[in-house]
Amino acid sequence: MADGAVVDGPGTPLAEALAGDLSQPVLVRGTLFLDTDGKVYLADSLTDAAAPSFGETRILVENYPTSGPTWDISQGEVIGLSEANGILFFEDTRLYGTISS
């Protein structure tokens, strides 16, 4: 929900969103990950789930919770959360918001 409206759909690829109008909120799709330093990023793609490694295009996601049920690996199969080398990630995520430059 954003301003009372339901936001749904396939989402815009991250690189395309970054090339667009950054003053407007956008539904972006990519791989959401929590790194070992406790920072959350959205990357354009997951390139190797075993490492894990991500595509070169990525942004820091501010004000995203870094604890709680979202990152509970014991529920990984149910919520689509994976882990490799201490990094938690959702391979296919959509986030709605404004991208700051």
C-alpha atoms as a PDB file:
ATOM      1  CA  MET A   1       0.000   0.000   0.000  1.00  0.00           C
ATOM      2  CA  ALA A   2       1.265   3.434  -0.866  1.00  0.00           C
ATOM      3  CA  ASP A   3      -0.913   6.437  -0.078  1.00  0.00           C
ATOM      4  CA  GLY A   4      -3.915   4.115   0.128  1.00  0.00           C
ATOM      5  CA  ALA A   5      -3.326   2.493  -3.275  1.00  0.00           C
ATOM      6  CA  VAL A   6      -2.408  -1.143  -3.840  1.00  0.00           C
ATOM      7  CA  VAL A   7       0.877  -1.436  -5.745  1.00  0.00           C
ATOM      8  CA  ASP A   8       1.165  -4.615  -7.787  1.00  0.00           C
ATOM      9  CA  GLY A   9       2.552  -5.835 -11.063  1.00  0.00           C
ATOM     10  CA  PRO A  10       5.711  -7.198 -12.641  1.00  0.00           C
ATOM     11  CA  GLY A  11       7.902  -4.274 -11.578  1.00  0.00           C
ATOM     12  CA  THR A  12      10.529  -2.373 -13.512  1.00  0.00           C
ATOM     13  CA  PRO A  13      14.039  -3.840 -13.820  1.00  0.00           C
ATOM     14  CA  LEU A  14      16.442  -1.981 -11.525  1.00  0.00           C
ATOM     15  CA  ALA A  15      18.674  -0.618 -14.314  1.00  0.00           C
ATOM     16  CA  GLU A  16      15.633   0.737 -16.151  1.00  0.00           C
ATOM     17  CA  ALA A  17      14.294   2.348 -12.977  1.00  0.00           C
ATOM     18  CA  LEU A  18      17.664   4.025 -12.350  1.00  0.00           C
ATOM     19  CA  ALA A  19      17.622   5.458 -15.872  1.00  0.00           C
ATOM     20  CA  GLY A  20      14.084   6.803 -15.418  1.00  0.00           C
ATOM     21  CA  ASP A  21      12.498   9.659 -13.457  1.00  0.00           C
ATOM     22  CA  LEU A  22      13.961   9.320  -9.958  1.00  0.00           C
ATOM     23  CA  SER A  23      11.565  11.909  -8.540  1.00  0.00           C
ATOM     24  CA  GLN A  24       8.608   9.509  -8.820  1.00  0.00           C
ATOM     25  CA  PRO A  25       7.998   6.325  -6.816  1.00  0.00           C
ATOM     26  CA  VAL A  26       8.436   3.141  -8.824  1.00  0.00           C
ATOM     27  CA  LEU A  27       7.822  -0.586  -8.345  1.00  0.00           C
ATOM     28  CA  VAL A  28      11.245  -2.153  -8.922  1.00  0.00           C
ATOM     29  CA  ARG A  29      12.129  -5.829  -9.230  1.00  0.00           C
ATOM     30  CA  GLY A  30      15.398  -7.477  -8.361  1.00  0.00           C
ATOM     31  CA  THR A  31      17.178  -9.581  -5.752  1.00  0.00           C
ATOM     32  CA  LEU A  32      16.966  -8.293  -2.183  1.00  0.00           C
ATOM     33  CA  PHE A  33      19.843  -9.274   0.076  1.00  0.00           C
ATOM     34  CA  LEU A  34      21.074  -8.696   3.611  1.00  0.00           C
ATOM     35  CA  ASP A  35      24.867  -8.689   3.629  1.00  0.00           C
ATOM     36  CA  THR A  36      27.093  -9.795   6.495  1.00  0.00           C
ATOM     37  CA  ASP A  37      27.496  -6.151   7.604  1.00  0.00           C
ATOM     38  CA  GLY A  38      23.737  -5.859   8.198  1.00  0.00           C
ATOM     39  CA  LYS A  39      23.010  -3.684   5.152  1.00  0.00           C
ATOM     40  CA  VAL A  40      20.119  -4.385   2.776  1.00  0.00           C
ATOM     41  CA  TYR A  41      20.604  -4.023  -0.982  1.00  0.00           C
ATOM     42  CA  LEU A  42      18.524  -4.535  -4.092  1.00  0.00           C
ATOM     43  CA  ALA A  43      20.539  -5.938  -7.006  1.00  0.00           C
ATOM     44  CA  ASP A  44      19.458  -6.333 -10.595  1.00  0.00           C
ATOM     45  CA  SER A  45      20.095 -10.088 -10.512  1.00  0.00           C
ATOM     46  CA  LEU A  46      21.474 -13.090  -8.692  1.00  0.00           C
ATOM     47  CA  THR A  47      24.406 -14.436 -10.693  1.00  0.00           C
ATOM     48  CA  ASP A  48      25.441 -17.331  -8.419  1.00  0.00           C
ATOM     49  CA  ALA A  49      23.282 -18.565  -5.541  1.00  0.00           C
ATOM     50  CA  ALA A  50      26.057 -20.720  -4.079  1.00  0.00           C
ATOM     51  CA  ALA A  51      28.502 -17.848  -3.453  1.00  0.00           C
ATOM     52  CA  PRO A  52      26.172 -15.783  -3.500  1.00  0.00           C
ATOM     53  CA  SER A  53      27.025 -13.098  -6.012  1.00  0.00           C
ATOM     54  CA  PHE A  54      24.831 -10.470  -7.585  1.00  0.00           C
ATOM     55  CA  GLY A  55      24.707  -8.357 -10.730  1.00  0.00           C
ATOM     56  CA  GLU A  56      26.704  -5.150 -10.841  1.00  0.00           C
ATOM     57  CA  THR A  57      23.689  -2.835 -10.606  1.00  0.00           C
ATOM     58  CA  ARG A  58      22.627  -2.502  -6.973  1.00  0.00           C
ATOM     59  CA  ILE A  59      21.295   0.077  -4.569  1.00  0.00           C
ATOM     60  CA  LEU A  60      21.297   0.385  -0.797  1.00  0.00           C
ATOM     61  CA  VAL A  61      17.791  -0.005   0.626  1.00  0.00           C
ATOM     62  CA  GLU A  62      17.425   2.329   3.576  1.00  0.00           C
ATOM     63  CA  ASN A  63      14.965   1.824   6.433  1.00  0.00           C
ATOM     64  CA  TYR A  64      14.292  -1.820   5.565  1.00  0.00           C
ATOM     65  CA  PRO A  65      14.041  -4.080   8.632  1.00  0.00           C
ATOM     66  CA  THR A  66      17.152  -6.182   9.186  1.00  0.00           C
ATOM     67  CA  SER A  67      15.678  -8.532  11.773  1.00  0.00           C
ATOM     68  CA  GLY A  68      12.407 -10.251  12.520  1.00  0.00           C
ATOM     69  CA  PRO A  69      10.364 -12.694  10.471  1.00  0.00           C
ATOM     70  CA  THR A  70      11.451 -11.292   7.091  1.00  0.00           C
ATOM     71  CA  TRP A  71      14.980 -12.657   7.613  1.00  0.00           C
ATOM     72  CA  ASP A  72      14.125 -15.834   9.586  1.00  0.00           C
ATOM     73  CA  ILE A  73      15.999 -18.543   7.675  1.00  0.00           C
ATOM     74  CA  SER A  74      14.089 -21.262   9.547  1.00  0.00           C
ATOM     75  CA  GLN A  75      11.095 -20.131   7.459  1.00  0.00           C
ATOM     76  CA  GLY A  76      13.173 -19.925   4.257  1.00  0.00           C
ATOM     77  CA  GLU A  77      11.283 -22.549   2.281  1.00  0.00           C
ATOM     78  CA  VAL A  78       7.949 -20.951   3.142  1.00  0.00           C
ATOM     79  CA  ILE A  79       8.890 -17.313   2.456  1.00  0.00           C
ATOM     80  CA  GLY A  80      11.425 -17.833  -0.364  1.00  0.00           C
ATOM     81  CA  LEU A  81      14.475 -16.788   1.662  1.00  0.00           C
ATOM     82  CA  SER A  82      17.853 -18.363   0.836  1.00  0.00           C
ATOM     83  CA  GLU A  83      21.246 -18.194   2.562  1.00  0.00           C
ATOM     84  CA  ALA A  84      24.815 -18.708   1.391  1.00  0.00           C
ATOM     85  CA  ASN A  85      28.011 -17.739   3.207  1.00  0.00           C
ATOM     86  CA  GLY A  86      26.080 -15.700   5.788  1.00  0.00           C
ATOM     87  CA  ILE A  87      24.219 -13.620   3.189  1.00  0.00           C
ATOM     88  CA  LEU A  88      20.429 -13.866   3.184  1.00  0.00           C
ATOM     89  CA  PHE A  89      18.547 -13.154  -0.031  1.00  0.00           C
ATOM     90  CA  PHE A  90      15.227 -13.197  -1.843  1.00  0.00           C
ATOM     91  CA  GLU A  91      15.886 -13.930  -5.498  1.00  0.00           C
ATOM     92  CA  ASP A  92      12.728 -12.324  -6.871  1.00  0.00           C
ATOM     93  CA  THR A  93      11.546  -9.219  -4.988  1.00  0.00           C
ATOM     94  CA  ARG A  94       9.509  -6.142  -5.767  1.00  0.00           C
ATOM     95  CA  LEU A  95       9.954  -2.930  -3.793  1.00  0.00           C
ATOM     96  CA  TYR A  96       7.945   0.264  -4.159  1.00  0.00           C
ATOM     97  CA  GLY A  97       9.514   3.610  -3.363  1.00  0.00           C
ATOM     98  CA  THR A  98      11.610   6.505  -4.509  1.00  0.00           C
ATOM     99  CA  ILE A  99      15.234   5.969  -5.515  1.00  0.00           C
ATOM    100  CA  SER A 100      17.632   8.612  -4.193  1.00  0.00           C
ATOM    101  CA  SER A 101      20.713   9.486  -6.182  1.00  0.00           C
END
